[in-house]
Amino acid sequence: MHYVSRLLVFLGSFWTFRYCETTKNSEIAMILHRPIRALSFPNNSNMGIFLALVFPLAGSLKSVSLSYFFEANYYLPPNSTYFEPYYYPHASRKKRSIDRTTIYQALENKFESSGFPGRECLLRSICETAESPVRHNGILGDIMHVLFTPSSSMKEDDLSEDFFEAEFVGRNGSCSKYHPMCPLGLFDMIGTWA
């Protein structure tokens, strides 16, 4: 009787295994020995990434901070069989070329909207980044190095020579000439929360 029960268990396992083998849905599923699963999303689903940089402002009696928000939204596919890039017609946009000139203009506008002279504070930031390299301070240091080092990318025709001069002055350790033009530098802001 003991052998009969073992034989039945073996045959049952064999037939179950055979049945599962024939119902798998791809060659990869056979290699992995399991059916491929898929996740489907309801129609019009989207996913977003939200990043906020917050700088506390020193010297105030209450807790005050200056923050910048960045957001990106992506539409999700409505079913698991849709392998093409999925875009809504109203969401299609022309690919944007972001160059250093555009980024510097946006940074100047941010400085000005915060009440500082935009061009002068950007030049001071470039100079201070060259004077005190932040390249080896993690991902934020790498981002700051790329943003505030104009020579780190190909030279653009419409980029002012003032930016390259500020970097050169910073490498020589004499950023004090930019201090009267911009009262608060980038490292002054970072120093309040570091």
Protein backbone atom coordinates (compact mmCIF):
# COMPACT_ATOMS: atom_id res chain seq x y z
CA MET A 1 0.00 0.00 0.00
CA HIS A 2 2.87 2.29 0.78
CA TYR A 3 4.26 1.94 -2.77
CA VAL A 4 0.85 2.61 -4.31
CA SER A 5 0.48 5.94 -2.49
CA ARG A 6 4.00 6.98 -3.56
CA LEU A 7 3.19 6.03 -7.15
CA LEU A 8 -0.04 8.06 -7.05
CA VAL A 9 1.77 11.08 -5.62
CA PHE A 10 4.46 10.75 -8.29
CA LEU A 11 1.94 10.42 -11.13
CA GLY A 12 -0.12 13.30 -9.78
CA SER A 13 2.97 15.50 -9.55
CA PHE A 14 4.09 14.46 -13.02
CA TRP A 15 0.73 15.27 -14.62
CA THR A 16 0.49 18.56 -12.76
CA PHE A 17 3.99 19.46 -13.94
CA ARG A 18 3.13 18.43 -17.52
CA TYR A 19 -0.07 20.50 -17.44
CA CYS A 20 1.80 23.56 -16.17
CA GLU A 21 4.49 23.08 -18.83
CA THR A 22 1.92 23.23 -21.61
CA THR A 23 0.12 26.28 -20.23
CA LYS A 24 3.17 28.51 -19.92
CA ASN A 25 3.04 31.55 -22.16
CA SER A 26 6.56 31.99 -23.52
CA GLU A 27 10.02 30.54 -23.93
CA ILE A 28 11.23 32.70 -21.05
CA ALA A 29 8.47 31.26 -18.88
CA MET A 30 9.75 27.75 -19.65
CA ILE A 31 13.27 28.78 -18.65
CA LEU A 32 12.03 30.38 -15.44
CA HIS A 33 9.61 27.48 -14.77
CA ARG A 34 6.74 29.85 -14.06
CA PRO A 35 4.14 31.78 -16.07
CA ILE A 36 4.91 35.41 -16.84
CA ARG A 37 2.72 37.80 -14.90
CA ALA A 38 1.76 41.28 -16.04
CA LEU A 39 0.45 44.34 -14.33
CA SER A 40 -2.28 46.34 -15.98
CA PHE A 41 -3.34 49.83 -15.05
CA PRO A 42 -6.76 51.46 -15.34
CA ASN A 43 -7.26 53.75 -18.34
CA ASN A 44 -5.78 57.25 -18.00
CA SER A 45 -3.44 56.18 -15.17
CA ASN A 46 -0.28 58.17 -14.67
CA MET A 47 2.77 58.17 -12.45
CA GLY A 48 4.74 61.15 -11.24
CA ILE A 49 8.13 61.94 -9.82
CA PHE A 50 8.32 64.90 -7.46
CA LEU A 51 11.56 66.46 -6.21
CA ALA A 52 11.89 69.41 -3.85
CA LEU A 53 15.04 71.26 -2.84
CA VAL A 54 14.57 73.23 0.36
CA PHE A 55 17.00 75.79 1.76
CA PRO A 56 16.31 77.07 5.29
CA LEU A 57 16.85 80.81 5.61
CA ALA A 58 18.88 81.89 8.62
CA GLY A 59 18.22 84.88 10.83
CA SER A 60 14.46 84.76 11.07
CA LEU A 61 12.47 84.29 14.27
CA LYS A 62 10.20 81.72 12.66
CA SER A 63 11.03 78.75 10.51
CA VAL A 64 11.26 80.07 6.94
CA SER A 65 12.66 78.24 3.95
CA LEU A 66 13.13 78.79 0.25
CA SER A 67 12.14 75.80 -1.88
CA TYR A 68 12.17 74.83 -5.54
CA PHE A 69 9.90 72.09 -6.86
CA PHE A 70 10.41 69.88 -9.91
CA GLU A 71 7.74 67.51 -11.18
CA ALA A 72 7.52 64.98 -14.03
CA ASN A 73 4.39 63.02 -14.97
CA TYR A 74 4.23 59.91 -17.12
CA TYR A 75 1.22 58.07 -18.56
CA LEU A 76 1.01 54.32 -17.88
CA PRO A 77 -0.05 51.73 -20.49
CA PRO A 78 -3.70 50.63 -20.26
CA ASN A 79 -2.95 46.91 -20.73
CA SER A 80 -0.06 44.49 -20.66
CA THR A 81 -0.11 43.77 -24.40
CA TYR A 82 0.55 47.34 -25.44
CA PHE A 83 4.29 47.39 -26.10
CA GLU A 84 4.47 50.58 -28.15
CA PRO A 85 5.28 53.91 -26.48
CA TYR A 86 1.98 55.08 -25.04
CA TYR A 87 1.15 58.77 -25.44
CA TYR A 88 -2.05 60.70 -25.41
CA PRO A 89 -2.49 62.98 -28.45
CA HIS A 90 -2.87 66.08 -26.28
CA ALA A 91 0.30 65.21 -24.36
CA SER A 92 2.64 65.01 -27.33
CA ARG A 93 5.20 67.76 -27.38
CA LYS A 94 8.17 68.72 -29.44
CA LYS A 95 11.47 67.49 -28.00
CA ARG A 96 13.14 70.31 -26.16
CA SER A 97 16.83 71.04 -26.42
CA ILE A 98 18.16 72.06 -23.03
CA ASP A 99 21.54 73.70 -23.21
CA ARG A 100 23.70 75.53 -20.69
CA THR A 101 22.42 78.93 -21.85
CA THR A 102 18.82 77.90 -21.10
CA ILE A 103 19.78 76.53 -17.68
CA TYR A 104 21.75 79.67 -16.78
CA GLN A 105 18.83 81.86 -17.85
CA ALA A 106 16.48 79.83 -15.63
CA LEU A 107 18.91 80.10 -12.68
CA GLU A 108 19.20 83.87 -13.20
CA ASN A 109 15.40 84.12 -13.16
CA LYS A 110 15.25 82.06 -9.93
CA PHE A 111 17.80 84.33 -8.26
CA GLU A 112 15.85 87.41 -9.39
CA SER A 113 12.52 86.00 -8.22
CA SER A 114 14.15 85.48 -4.81
CA GLY A 115 15.18 89.14 -4.68
CA PHE A 116 18.84 88.82 -5.68
CA PRO A 117 20.63 90.21 -8.76
CA GLY A 118 20.42 87.21 -11.09
CA ARG A 119 23.47 87.51 -13.33
CA GLU A 120 25.82 88.61 -10.54
CA CYS A 121 24.72 85.83 -8.17
CA LEU A 122 25.09 83.23 -10.91
CA LEU A 123 28.63 84.49 -11.62
CA ARG A 124 29.44 84.33 -7.90
CA SER A 125 28.06 80.77 -7.72
CA ILE A 126 30.21 79.70 -10.69
CA CYS A 127 33.27 81.34 -9.14
CA GLU A 128 32.72 79.77 -5.70
CA THR A 129 32.16 76.32 -7.20
CA ALA A 130 35.48 76.61 -9.04
CA GLU A 131 37.19 77.95 -5.90
CA SER A 132 35.89 75.17 -3.62
CA PRO A 133 35.19 72.10 -5.77
CA VAL A 134 32.15 70.10 -4.70
CA ARG A 135 32.61 67.32 -7.22
CA HIS A 136 33.26 64.58 -4.64
CA ASN A 137 30.29 65.38 -2.38
CA GLY A 138 27.83 62.79 -3.63
CA ILE A 139 25.15 63.26 -6.22
CA LEU A 140 24.32 66.83 -5.17
CA GLY A 141 28.00 67.75 -5.52
CA ASP A 142 28.12 66.17 -8.98
CA ILE A 143 25.01 68.09 -10.07
CA MET A 144 26.43 71.35 -8.73
CA HIS A 145 29.75 70.68 -10.48
CA VAL A 146 28.04 70.09 -13.83
CA LEU A 147 25.73 73.10 -13.45
CA PHE A 148 28.27 75.63 -12.23
CA THR A 149 31.31 74.62 -14.30
CA PRO A 150 30.83 76.05 -17.81
CA SER A 151 33.99 74.37 -19.12
CA SER A 152 32.59 70.92 -18.26
CA SER A 153 30.60 70.85 -21.50
CA MET A 154 31.16 71.83 -25.11
CA LYS A 155 31.49 75.55 -25.66
CA GLU A 156 28.27 77.13 -26.88
CA ASP A 157 28.29 80.10 -29.23
CA ASP A 158 25.71 82.13 -27.32
CA LEU A 159 27.19 81.54 -23.83
CA SER A 160 28.74 84.70 -22.43
CA GLU A 161 32.47 84.81 -21.74
CA ASP A 162 31.63 86.18 -18.28
CA PHE A 163 30.80 82.64 -17.14
CA PHE A 164 34.17 81.26 -18.24
CA GLU A 165 35.93 84.24 -16.66
CA ALA A 166 34.12 83.62 -13.35
CA GLU A 167 35.26 79.99 -13.41
CA PHE A 168 38.85 81.05 -14.17
CA VAL A 169 38.80 83.63 -11.35
CA GLY A 170 37.48 80.99 -8.96
CA ARG A 171 40.22 78.53 -9.86
CA ASN A 172 42.72 81.23 -8.91
CA GLY A 173 40.99 81.67 -5.54
CA SER A 174 39.87 85.28 -5.84
CA CYS A 175 36.06 85.29 -5.79
CA SER A 176 35.93 88.32 -3.49
CA LYS A 177 35.38 90.61 -6.50
CA TYR A 178 31.88 89.10 -6.90
CA HIS A 179 30.85 89.58 -3.24
CA PRO A 180 29.81 93.27 -3.50
CA MET A 181 27.62 92.52 -6.54
CA CYS A 182 25.80 89.59 -4.89
CA PRO A 183 25.27 89.79 -1.13
CA LEU A 184 24.46 86.09 -0.59
CA GLY A 185 26.36 83.31 -2.33
CA LEU A 186 25.35 79.77 -3.06
CA PHE A 187 27.65 78.38 -0.37
CA ASP A 188 26.25 80.88 2.14
CA MET A 189 22.79 79.38 1.56
CA ILE A 190 24.09 75.83 1.76
CA GLY A 191 26.08 76.66 4.89
CA THR A 192 22.89 77.49 6.78
CA TRP A 193 21.55 73.94 6.43
CA ALA A 194 24.73 71.87 6.18
